[in-house]
Amino acid sequence: MIKWKKIISLLLLFSYSIITNAQDKNNGTDNVMRSSGRIYVVVAVILVILIGLILYIVRLDRKISKLEKQQ
């Protein structure tokens, strides 16, 4: 139990350092993506993937519910 607590706390500390480094404003990739219009393509692809996953889960839930009612 103590070993798991140490591992979890270590992972939380690592994730905190990653989050703080991700907020660095000196990286210019976001400006390059915005200026060339690629950021909108990336956002559109992410939205299509998320909508597809949500629709798949809803459809799967309906099928499972239908099978449960039949039994």
PDB file of N, CA and C in Angstrom:
ATOM      1  N   MET A   1       0.824  -1.198   0.000  1.00  0.00           N
ATOM      2  CA  MET A   1       0.000   0.000   0.000  1.00  0.00           C
ATOM      3  C   MET A   1       0.865   1.258   0.000  1.00  0.00           C
ATOM      4  N   ILE A   2       1.920   1.225   0.795  1.00  0.00           N
ATOM      5  CA  ILE A   2       2.801   2.383   0.866  1.00  0.00           C
ATOM      6  C   ILE A   2       3.525   2.566  -0.457  1.00  0.00           C
ATOM      7  N   LYS A   3       3.866   1.453  -1.112  1.00  0.00           N
ATOM      8  CA  LYS A   3       4.557   1.526  -2.394  1.00  0.00           C
ATOM      9  C   LYS A   3       3.684   2.230  -3.431  1.00  0.00           C
ATOM     10  N   TRP A   4       2.373   1.925  -3.451  1.00  0.00           N
ATOM     11  CA  TRP A   4       1.463   2.554  -4.404  1.00  0.00           C
ATOM     12  C   TRP A   4       1.342   4.047  -4.127  1.00  0.00           C
ATOM     13  N   LYS A   5       1.329   4.421  -2.857  1.00  0.00           N
ATOM     14  CA  LYS A   5       1.240   5.836  -2.513  1.00  0.00           C
ATOM     15  C   LYS A   5       2.467   6.592  -3.001  1.00  0.00           C
ATOM     16  N   LYS A   6       3.626   5.971  -2.880  1.00  0.00           N
ATOM     17  CA  LYS A   6       4.850   6.610  -3.353  1.00  0.00           C
ATOM     18  C   LYS A   6       4.831   6.754  -4.869  1.00  0.00           C
ATOM     19  N   ILE A   7       4.374   5.728  -5.550  1.00  0.00           N
ATOM     20  CA  ILE A   7       4.323   5.772  -7.013  1.00  0.00           C
ATOM     21  C   ILE A   7       3.338   6.833  -7.479  1.00  0.00           C
ATOM     22  N   ILE A   8       2.177   6.896  -6.859  1.00  0.00           N
ATOM     23  CA  ILE A   8       1.164   7.879  -7.245  1.00  0.00           C
ATOM     24  C   ILE A   8       1.652   9.289  -6.973  1.00  0.00           C
ATOM     25  N   SER A   9       2.279   9.503  -5.810  1.00  0.00           N
ATOM     26  CA  SER A   9       2.769  10.850  -5.515  1.00  0.00           C
ATOM     27  C   SER A   9       3.894  11.247  -6.465  1.00  0.00           C
ATOM     28  N   LEU A  10       4.733  10.298  -6.856  1.00  0.00           N
ATOM     29  CA  LEU A  10       5.798  10.585  -7.809  1.00  0.00           C
ATOM     30  C   LEU A  10       5.224  10.948  -9.177  1.00  0.00           C
ATOM     31  N   LEU A  11       4.206  10.220  -9.615  1.00  0.00           N
ATOM     32  CA  LEU A  11       3.558  10.533 -10.888  1.00  0.00           C
ATOM     33  C   LEU A  11       2.885  11.897 -10.858  1.00  0.00           C
ATOM     34  N   LEU A  12       2.266  12.243  -9.739  1.00  0.00           N
ATOM     35  CA  LEU A  12       1.641  13.556  -9.613  1.00  0.00           C
ATOM     36  C   LEU A  12       2.671  14.676  -9.678  1.00  0.00           C
ATOM     37  N   LEU A  13       3.817  14.466  -9.048  1.00  0.00           N
ATOM     38  CA  LEU A  13       4.867  15.478  -9.114  1.00  0.00           C
ATOM     39  C   LEU A  13       5.393  15.635 -10.533  1.00  0.00           C
ATOM     40  N   PHE A  14       5.580  14.521 -11.241  1.00  0.00           N
ATOM     41  CA  PHE A  14       6.033  14.595 -12.625  1.00  0.00           C
ATOM     42  C   PHE A  14       5.005  15.291 -13.505  1.00  0.00           C
ATOM     43  N   SER A  15       3.733  14.972 -13.296  1.00  0.00           N
ATOM     44  CA  SER A  15       2.702  15.602 -14.120  1.00  0.00           C
ATOM     45  C   SER A  15       2.625  17.099 -13.844  1.00  0.00           C
ATOM     46  N   TYR A  16       2.871  17.505 -12.614  1.00  0.00           N
ATOM     47  CA  TYR A  16       2.864  18.929 -12.293  1.00  0.00           C
ATOM     48  C   TYR A  16       3.987  19.650 -13.032  1.00  0.00           C
ATOM     49  N   SER A  17       5.160  19.046 -13.092  1.00  0.00           N
ATOM     50  CA  SER A  17       6.263  19.692 -13.796  1.00  0.00           C
ATOM     51  C   SER A  17       6.006  19.748 -15.295  1.00  0.00           C
ATOM     52  N   ILE A  18       5.356  18.735 -15.842  1.00  0.00           N
ATOM     53  CA  ILE A  18       5.028  18.739 -17.272  1.00  0.00           C
ATOM     54  C   ILE A  18       4.011  19.827 -17.575  1.00  0.00           C
ATOM     55  N   ILE A  19       3.015  19.983 -16.711  1.00  0.00           N
ATOM     56  CA  ILE A  19       1.985  20.998 -16.924  1.00  0.00           C
ATOM     57  C   ILE A  19       2.593  22.396 -16.871  1.00  0.00           C
ATOM     58  N   THR A  20       3.485  22.637 -15.916  1.00  0.00           N
ATOM     59  CA  THR A  20       4.075  23.969 -15.814  1.00  0.00           C
ATOM     60  C   THR A  20       4.981  24.262 -17.004  1.00  0.00           C
ATOM     61  N   ASN A  21       5.664  23.260 -17.532  1.00  0.00           N
ATOM     62  CA  ASN A  21       6.501  23.472 -18.709  1.00  0.00           C
ATOM     63  C   ASN A  21       5.663  23.646 -19.960  1.00  0.00           C
ATOM     64  N   ALA A  22       4.488  23.066 -20.004  1.00  0.00           N
ATOM     65  CA  ALA A  22       3.626  23.182 -21.175  1.00  0.00           C
ATOM     66  C   ALA A  22       3.065  24.590 -21.319  1.00  0.00           C
ATOM     67  N   GLN A  23       3.105  25.372 -20.257  1.00  0.00           N
ATOM     68  CA  GLN A  23       2.565  26.719 -20.296  1.00  0.00           C
ATOM     69  C   GLN A  23       3.620  27.757 -20.665  1.00  0.00           C
ATOM     70  N   ASP A  24       4.747  27.307 -21.165  1.00  0.00           N
ATOM     71  CA  ASP A  24       5.821  28.207 -21.556  1.00  0.00           C
ATOM     72  C   ASP A  24       5.393  29.023 -22.772  1.00  0.00           C
ATOM     73  N   LYS A  25       5.528  30.324 -22.699  1.00  0.00           N
ATOM     74  CA  LYS A  25       5.076  31.211 -23.772  1.00  0.00           C
ATOM     75  C   LYS A  25       6.141  31.412 -24.850  1.00  0.00           C
ATOM     76  N   ASN A  26       7.347  30.927 -24.651  1.00  0.00           N
ATOM     77  CA  ASN A  26       8.425  31.171 -25.606  1.00  0.00           C
ATOM     78  C   ASN A  26       8.364  30.274 -26.827  1.00  0.00           C
ATOM     79  N   ASN A  27       7.544  29.259 -26.790  1.00  0.00           N
ATOM     80  CA  ASN A  27       7.439  28.339 -27.912  1.00  0.00           C
ATOM     81  C   ASN A  27       6.602  28.988 -29.012  1.00  0.00           C
ATOM     82  N   GLY A  28       7.115  29.036 -30.239  1.00  0.00           N
ATOM     83  CA  GLY A  28       6.434  29.742 -31.305  1.00  0.00           C
ATOM     84  C   GLY A  28       5.581  28.886 -32.198  1.00  0.00           C
ATOM     85  N   THR A  29       5.396  27.609 -31.859  1.00  0.00           N
ATOM     86  CA  THR A  29       4.628  26.736 -32.746  1.00  0.00           C
ATOM     87  C   THR A  29       3.159  27.129 -32.808  1.00  0.00           C
ATOM     88  N   ASP A  30       2.618  27.659 -31.726  1.00  0.00           N
ATOM     89  CA  ASP A  30       1.211  28.058 -31.768  1.00  0.00           C
ATOM     90  C   ASP A  30       1.002  29.240 -32.706  1.00  0.00           C
ATOM     91  N   ASN A  31       1.948  30.165 -32.752  1.00  0.00           N
ATOM     92  CA  ASN A  31       1.830  31.300 -33.669  1.00  0.00           C
ATOM     93  C   ASN A  31       1.961  30.853 -35.117  1.00  0.00           C
ATOM     94  N   VAL A  32       2.836  29.896 -35.378  1.00  0.00           N
ATOM     95  CA  VAL A  32       3.008  29.386 -36.734  1.00  0.00           C
ATOM     96  C   VAL A  32       1.739  28.683 -37.192  1.00  0.00           C
ATOM     97  N   MET A  33       1.142  27.890 -36.300  1.00  0.00           N
ATOM     98  CA  MET A  33      -0.079  27.165 -36.643  1.00  0.00           C
ATOM     99  C   MET A  33      -1.232  28.139 -36.905  1.00  0.00           C
ATOM    100  N   ARG A  34      -1.324  29.199 -36.121  1.00  0.00           N
ATOM    101  CA  ARG A  34      -2.407  30.177 -36.320  1.00  0.00           C
ATOM    102  C   ARG A  34      -2.200  30.982 -37.586  1.00  0.00           C
ATOM    103  N   SER A  35      -0.981  31.380 -37.845  1.00  0.00           N
ATOM    104  CA  SER A  35      -0.740  32.247 -38.997  1.00  0.00           C
ATOM    105  C   SER A  35      -0.970  31.515 -40.313  1.00  0.00           C
ATOM    106  N   SER A  36      -0.698  30.223 -40.343  1.00  0.00           N
ATOM    107  CA  SER A  36      -0.890  29.486 -41.592  1.00  0.00           C
ATOM    108  C   SER A  36      -2.284  28.873 -41.695  1.00  0.00           C
ATOM    109  N   GLY A  37      -3.079  28.963 -40.636  1.00  0.00           N
ATOM    110  CA  GLY A  37      -4.439  28.445 -40.668  1.00  0.00           C
ATOM    111  C   GLY A  37      -4.525  26.957 -40.372  1.00  0.00           C
ATOM    112  N   ARG A  38      -3.441  26.346 -40.006  1.00  0.00           N
ATOM    113  CA  ARG A  38      -3.443  24.906 -39.723  1.00  0.00           C
ATOM    114  C   ARG A  38      -4.134  24.565 -38.411  1.00  0.00           C
ATOM    115  N   ILE A  39      -4.182  25.507 -37.494  1.00  0.00           N
ATOM    116  CA  ILE A  39      -4.789  25.239 -36.198  1.00  0.00           C
ATOM    117  C   ILE A  39      -6.262  24.884 -36.357  1.00  0.00           C
ATOM    118  N   TYR A  40      -6.917  25.480 -37.339  1.00  0.00           N
ATOM    119  CA  TYR A  40      -8.335  25.191 -37.552  1.00  0.00           C
ATOM    120  C   TYR A  40      -8.532  23.781 -38.097  1.00  0.00           C
ATOM    121  N   VAL A  41      -7.582  23.319 -38.885  1.00  0.00           N
ATOM    122  CA  VAL A  41      -7.640  21.945 -39.387  1.00  0.00           C
ATOM    123  C   VAL A  41      -7.468  20.968 -38.241  1.00  0.00           C
ATOM    124  N   VAL A  42      -6.535  21.267 -37.354  1.00  0.00           N
ATOM    125  CA  VAL A  42      -6.293  20.396 -36.199  1.00  0.00           C
ATOM    126  C   VAL A  42      -7.522  20.343 -35.308  1.00  0.00           C
ATOM    127  N   VAL A  43      -8.117  21.488 -35.036  1.00  0.00           N
ATOM    128  CA  VAL A  43      -9.314  21.535 -34.192  1.00  0.00           C
ATOM    129  C   VAL A  43     -10.459  20.781 -34.858  1.00  0.00           C
ATOM    130  N   ALA A  44     -10.603  20.933 -36.163  1.00  0.00           N
ATOM    131  CA  ALA A  44     -11.678  20.237 -36.879  1.00  0.00           C
ATOM    132  C   ALA A  44     -11.491  18.725 -36.820  1.00  0.00           C
ATOM    133  N   VAL A  45     -10.266  18.259 -36.984  1.00  0.00           N
ATOM    134  CA  VAL A  45     -10.002  16.816 -36.925  1.00  0.00           C
ATOM    135  C   VAL A  45     -10.291  16.276 -35.529  1.00  0.00           C
ATOM    136  N   ILE A  46      -9.877  17.001 -34.514  1.00  0.00           N
ATOM    137  CA  ILE A  46     -10.132  16.561 -33.135  1.00  0.00           C
ATOM    138  C   ILE A  46     -11.635  16.511 -32.863  1.00  0.00           C
ATOM    139  N   LEU A  47     -12.373  17.513 -33.327  1.00  0.00           N
ATOM    140  CA  LEU A  47     -13.830  17.520 -33.127  1.00  0.00           C
ATOM    141  C   LEU A  47     -14.506  16.362 -33.849  1.00  0.00           C
ATOM    142  N   VAL A  48     -14.061  16.065 -35.069  1.00  0.00           N
ATOM    143  CA  VAL A  48     -14.649  14.951 -35.814  1.00  0.00           C
ATOM    144  C   VAL A  48     -14.391  13.634 -35.080  1.00  0.00           C
ATOM    145  N   ILE A  49     -13.193  13.463 -34.568  1.00  0.00           N
ATOM    146  CA  ILE A  49     -12.870  12.232 -33.832  1.00  0.00           C
ATOM    147  C   ILE A  49     -13.716  12.121 -32.574  1.00  0.00           C
ATOM    148  N   LEU A  50     -13.833  13.208 -31.813  1.00  0.00           N
ATOM    149  CA  LEU A  50     -14.629  13.172 -30.580  1.00  0.00           C
ATOM    150  C   LEU A  50     -16.107  12.924 -30.861  1.00  0.00           C
ATOM    151  N   ILE A  51     -16.648  13.565 -31.879  1.00  0.00           N
ATOM    152  CA  ILE A  51     -18.051  13.343 -32.232  1.00  0.00           C
ATOM    153  C   ILE A  51     -18.267  11.903 -32.668  1.00  0.00           C
ATOM    154  N   GLY A  52     -17.328  11.363 -33.434  1.00  0.00           N
ATOM    155  CA  GLY A  52     -17.425   9.965 -33.849  1.00  0.00           C
ATOM    156  C   GLY A  52     -17.405   9.014 -32.670  1.00  0.00           C
ATOM    157  N   LEU A  53     -16.532   9.272 -31.706  1.00  0.00           N
ATOM    158  CA  LEU A  53     -16.471   8.421 -30.511  1.00  0.00           C
ATOM    159  C   LEU A  53     -17.759   8.504 -29.699  1.00  0.00           C
ATOM    160  N   ILE A  54     -18.283   9.707 -29.556  1.00  0.00           N
ATOM    161  CA  ILE A  54     -19.526   9.870 -28.789  1.00  0.00           C
ATOM    162  C   ILE A  54     -20.680   9.149 -29.473  1.00  0.00           C
ATOM    163  N   LEU A  55     -20.784   9.300 -30.784  1.00  0.00           N
ATOM    164  CA  LEU A  55     -21.852   8.605 -31.513  1.00  0.00           C
ATOM    165  C   LEU A  55     -21.703   7.093 -31.418  1.00  0.00           C
ATOM    166  N   TYR A  56     -20.474   6.596 -31.488  1.00  0.00           N
ATOM    167  CA  TYR A  56     -20.235   5.163 -31.365  1.00  0.00           C
ATOM    168  C   TYR A  56     -20.658   4.654 -29.985  1.00  0.00           C
ATOM    169  N   ILE A  57     -20.339   5.398 -28.940  1.00  0.00           N
ATOM    170  CA  ILE A  57     -20.697   4.973 -27.584  1.00  0.00           C
ATOM    171  C   ILE A  57     -22.208   4.985 -27.394  1.00  0.00           C
ATOM    172  N   VAL A  58     -22.868   6.005 -27.903  1.00  0.00           N
ATOM    173  CA  VAL A  58     -24.338   6.079 -27.779  1.00  0.00           C
ATOM    174  C   VAL A  58     -24.986   4.917 -28.525  1.00  0.00           C
ATOM    175  N   ARG A  59     -24.506   4.647 -29.727  1.00  0.00           N
ATOM    176  CA  ARG A  59     -25.062   3.551 -30.522  1.00  0.00           C
ATOM    177  C   ARG A  59     -24.829   2.199 -29.850  1.00  0.00           C
ATOM    178  N   LEU A  60     -23.649   2.026 -29.307  1.00  0.00           N
ATOM    179  CA  LEU A  60     -23.324   0.782 -28.609  1.00  0.00           C
ATOM    180  C   LEU A  60     -24.185   0.612 -27.363  1.00  0.00           C
ATOM    181  N   ASP A  61     -24.435   1.706 -26.651  1.00  0.00           N
ATOM    182  CA  ASP A  61     -25.276   1.648 -25.462  1.00  0.00           C
ATOM    183  C   ASP A  61     -26.702   1.256 -25.822  1.00  0.00           C
ATOM    184  N   ARG A  62     -27.201   1.785 -26.923  1.00  0.00           N
ATOM    185  CA  ARG A  62     -28.560   1.421 -27.355  1.00  0.00           C
ATOM    186  C   ARG A  62     -28.639  -0.052 -27.726  1.00  0.00           C
ATOM    187  N   LYS A  63     -27.624  -0.564 -28.405  1.00  0.00           N
ATOM    188  CA  LYS A  63     -27.626  -1.980 -28.774  1.00  0.00           C
ATOM    189  C   LYS A  63     -27.578  -2.870 -27.534  1.00  0.00           C
ATOM    190  N   ILE A  64     -26.765  -2.490 -26.570  1.00  0.00           N
ATOM    191  CA  ILE A  64     -26.662  -3.283 -25.341  1.00  0.00           C
ATOM    192  C   ILE A  64     -27.974  -3.244 -24.572  1.00  0.00           C
ATOM    193  N   SER A  65     -28.587  -2.069 -24.500  1.00  0.00           N
ATOM    194  CA  SER A  65     -29.881  -1.965 -23.817  1.00  0.00           C
ATOM    195  C   SER A  65     -30.938  -2.820 -24.497  1.00  0.00           C
ATOM    196  N   LYS A  66     -30.925  -2.839 -25.814  1.00  0.00           N
ATOM    197  CA  LYS A  66     -31.889  -3.646 -26.570  1.00  0.00           C
ATOM    198  C   LYS A  66     -31.678  -5.127 -26.304  1.00  0.00           C
ATOM    199  N   LEU A  67     -30.427  -5.565 -26.249  1.00  0.00           N
ATOM    200  CA  LEU A  67     -30.126  -6.970 -25.960  1.00  0.00           C
ATOM    201  C   LEU A  67     -30.519  -7.340 -24.533  1.00  0.00           C
ATOM    202  N   GLU A  68     -30.334  -6.420 -23.589  1.00  0.00           N
ATOM    203  CA  GLU A  68     -30.713  -6.685 -22.208  1.00  0.00           C
ATOM    204  C   GLU A  68     -32.227  -6.825 -22.063  1.00  0.00           C
ATOM    205  N   LYS A  69     -32.982  -6.046 -22.832  1.00  0.00           N
ATOM    206  CA  LYS A  69     -34.433  -6.134 -22.767  1.00  0.00           C
ATOM    207  C   LYS A  69     -34.946  -7.446 -23.358  1.00  0.00           C
ATOM    208  N   GLN A  70     -34.241  -7.965 -24.354  1.00  0.00           N
ATOM    209  CA  GLN A  70     -34.655  -9.213 -24.984  1.00  0.00           C
ATOM    210  C   GLN A  70     -34.462 -10.400 -24.037  1.00  0.00           C
ATOM    211  N   GLN A  71     -33.501 -10.329 -23.170  1.00  0.00           N
ATOM    212  CA  GLN A  71     -33.264 -11.455 -22.265  1.00  0.00           C
ATOM    213  C   GLN A  71     -34.095 -11.332 -21.080  1.00  0.00           C
TER     214      GLN A  71
END
